[in-house]
Amino acid sequence: MSCGEPHETDCSEVLDHLYEYLDREMPDSDCEKFKEHFDECSPCLEKYGLEQEVKKLVKRCCGHDDVPSDLRSKVMGRIELIRAAEAAGAEVPDGTAESETEDTGAAQSQSVQGRKKYA
């Protein structure tokens, strides 16, 4: 998509990184470039607005599912293990990935069953 007008930041670059912008996962300097682009480019602004509304809708409709506490603690433990390994410059341990995947799948299945019960 392009409005056909020349911009300092190309439309394709803006659209390629739109979710990073929406999720505030980019440096402030890039955010400023994107804001400037949206001020100049109505097709990109329209796409931004649409994606922003979709994100709000998903949060409103799907943001209420509770994560089982045992799953949350396993995930947080794994994140801490990876961070500690990276900080130490070591390779991230991979031995528990299979059992974690099984646990995650079981927890997701329980969550889906719970939603079906209340639907």
Protein backbone atom coordinates (compact mmCIF):
# COMPACT_ATOMS: atom_id res chain seq x y z
CA MET A 1 0.00 0.00 0.00
CA SER A 2 1.18 3.47 -0.79
CA CYS A 3 -0.51 6.80 -1.17
CA GLY A 4 1.77 7.61 -4.10
CA GLU A 5 3.36 10.56 -2.32
CA PRO A 6 7.05 10.62 -1.38
CA HIS A 7 7.72 10.32 2.36
CA GLU A 8 10.85 10.35 4.46
CA THR A 9 9.79 6.93 5.79
CA ASP A 10 8.44 4.63 3.09
CA CYS A 11 4.91 3.24 3.45
CA SER A 12 6.16 -0.35 3.18
CA GLU A 13 8.57 0.20 6.09
CA VAL A 14 5.78 1.67 8.21
CA LEU A 15 3.43 -1.21 7.47
CA ASP A 16 6.16 -3.82 8.01
CA HIS A 17 6.71 -2.46 11.54
CA LEU A 18 3.14 -1.43 12.35
CA TYR A 19 2.69 -3.95 15.16
CA GLU A 20 5.94 -2.90 16.79
CA TYR A 21 4.59 0.65 16.76
CA LEU A 22 1.21 -0.42 18.11
CA ASP A 23 2.84 -2.47 20.87
CA ARG A 24 5.33 0.31 21.68
CA GLU A 25 8.24 -2.00 21.01
CA MET A 26 10.40 0.41 19.04
CA PRO A 27 12.76 3.22 19.95
CA ASP A 28 11.26 6.67 20.51
CA SER A 29 13.08 8.05 17.47
CA ASP A 30 11.35 5.50 15.22
CA CYS A 31 8.01 6.24 16.87
CA GLU A 32 8.44 9.90 15.98
CA LYS A 33 9.14 8.98 12.34
CA PHE A 34 6.01 6.84 12.25
CA LYS A 35 3.85 9.58 13.83
CA GLU A 36 5.11 12.00 11.20
CA HIS A 37 4.33 9.49 8.46
CA PHE A 38 0.78 8.96 9.74
CA ASP A 39 0.25 12.73 9.74
CA GLU A 40 1.21 12.81 6.05
CA CYS A 41 -0.25 9.54 4.73
CA SER A 42 -3.96 8.86 5.07
CA PRO A 43 -3.85 5.22 3.75
CA CYS A 44 -1.26 4.27 6.37
CA LEU A 45 -3.17 6.18 9.04
CA GLU A 46 -6.31 4.27 8.06
CA LYS A 47 -4.47 0.93 8.29
CA TYR A 48 -3.02 1.96 11.66
CA GLY A 49 -6.49 2.87 12.94
CA LEU A 50 -7.95 -0.42 11.74
CA GLU A 51 -5.20 -2.49 13.36
CA GLN A 52 -5.51 -0.46 16.57
CA GLU A 53 -9.24 -1.23 16.72
CA VAL A 54 -8.66 -4.93 16.05
CA LYS A 55 -6.13 -5.00 18.86
CA LYS A 56 -8.63 -3.35 21.24
CA LEU A 57 -11.35 -5.80 20.20
CA VAL A 58 -9.11 -8.81 20.79
CA LYS A 59 -8.10 -7.47 24.20
CA ARG A 60 -11.71 -6.86 25.16
CA CYS A 61 -12.94 -10.24 23.95
CA CYS A 62 -9.99 -12.45 24.80
CA GLY A 63 -8.17 -10.66 27.58
CA HIS A 64 -10.21 -12.18 30.40
CA ASP A 65 -8.94 -15.75 30.28
CA ASP A 66 -7.14 -16.65 33.46
CA VAL A 67 -3.85 -18.45 33.10
CA PRO A 68 -3.49 -21.46 35.42
CA SER A 69 -1.05 -20.53 38.17
CA ASP A 70 1.13 -23.62 37.63
CA LEU A 71 1.53 -22.75 33.94
CA ARG A 72 2.36 -19.15 34.80
CA SER A 73 5.02 -20.19 37.31
CA LYS A 74 6.58 -22.66 34.84
CA VAL A 75 6.75 -20.03 32.11
CA MET A 76 8.20 -17.43 34.46
CA GLY A 77 10.75 -19.96 35.74
CA ARG A 78 11.80 -20.76 32.18
CA ILE A 79 12.16 -17.06 31.36
CA GLU A 80 14.35 -16.54 34.43
CA LEU A 81 16.47 -19.57 33.48
CA ILE A 82 16.99 -18.22 29.95
CA ARG A 83 17.84 -14.74 31.21
CA ALA A 84 20.33 -16.14 33.72
CA ALA A 85 21.99 -18.27 31.04
CA GLU A 86 22.19 -15.32 28.64
CA ALA A 87 23.64 -13.08 31.35
CA ALA A 88 26.28 -15.71 32.10
CA GLY A 89 27.04 -16.07 28.40
CA ALA A 90 26.09 -19.73 28.49
CA GLU A 91 23.97 -21.65 26.02
CA VAL A 92 20.31 -21.81 27.00
CA PRO A 93 19.42 -25.25 28.40
CA ASP A 94 17.02 -27.16 26.16
CA GLY A 95 16.38 -30.35 28.11
CA THR A 96 12.99 -29.42 29.52
CA ALA A 97 11.39 -28.04 26.37
CA GLU A 98 9.46 -31.22 25.56
CA SER A 99 7.89 -31.61 29.00
CA GLU A 100 7.07 -27.90 29.09
CA THR A 101 5.32 -28.21 25.74
CA GLU A 102 3.26 -31.11 27.07
CA ASP A 103 2.38 -29.15 30.22
CA THR A 104 1.45 -26.09 28.16
CA GLY A 105 -0.74 -28.20 25.88
CA ALA A 106 -2.53 -29.76 28.84
CA ALA A 107 -3.11 -26.37 30.44
CA GLN A 108 -4.42 -24.95 27.16
CA SER A 109 -6.76 -27.91 26.81
CA GLN A 110 -8.09 -27.32 30.33
CA SER A 111 -8.58 -23.64 29.54
CA VAL A 112 -10.52 -24.45 26.36
CA GLN A 113 -12.68 -26.95 28.22
CA GLY A 114 -13.41 -24.34 30.87
CA ARG A 115 -14.45 -21.81 28.25
CA LYS A 116 -16.75 -24.35 26.55
CA LYS A 117 -18.42 -25.08 29.88
CA TYR A 118 -19.28 -21.42 30.40
CA ALA A 119 -20.14 -20.61 26.78
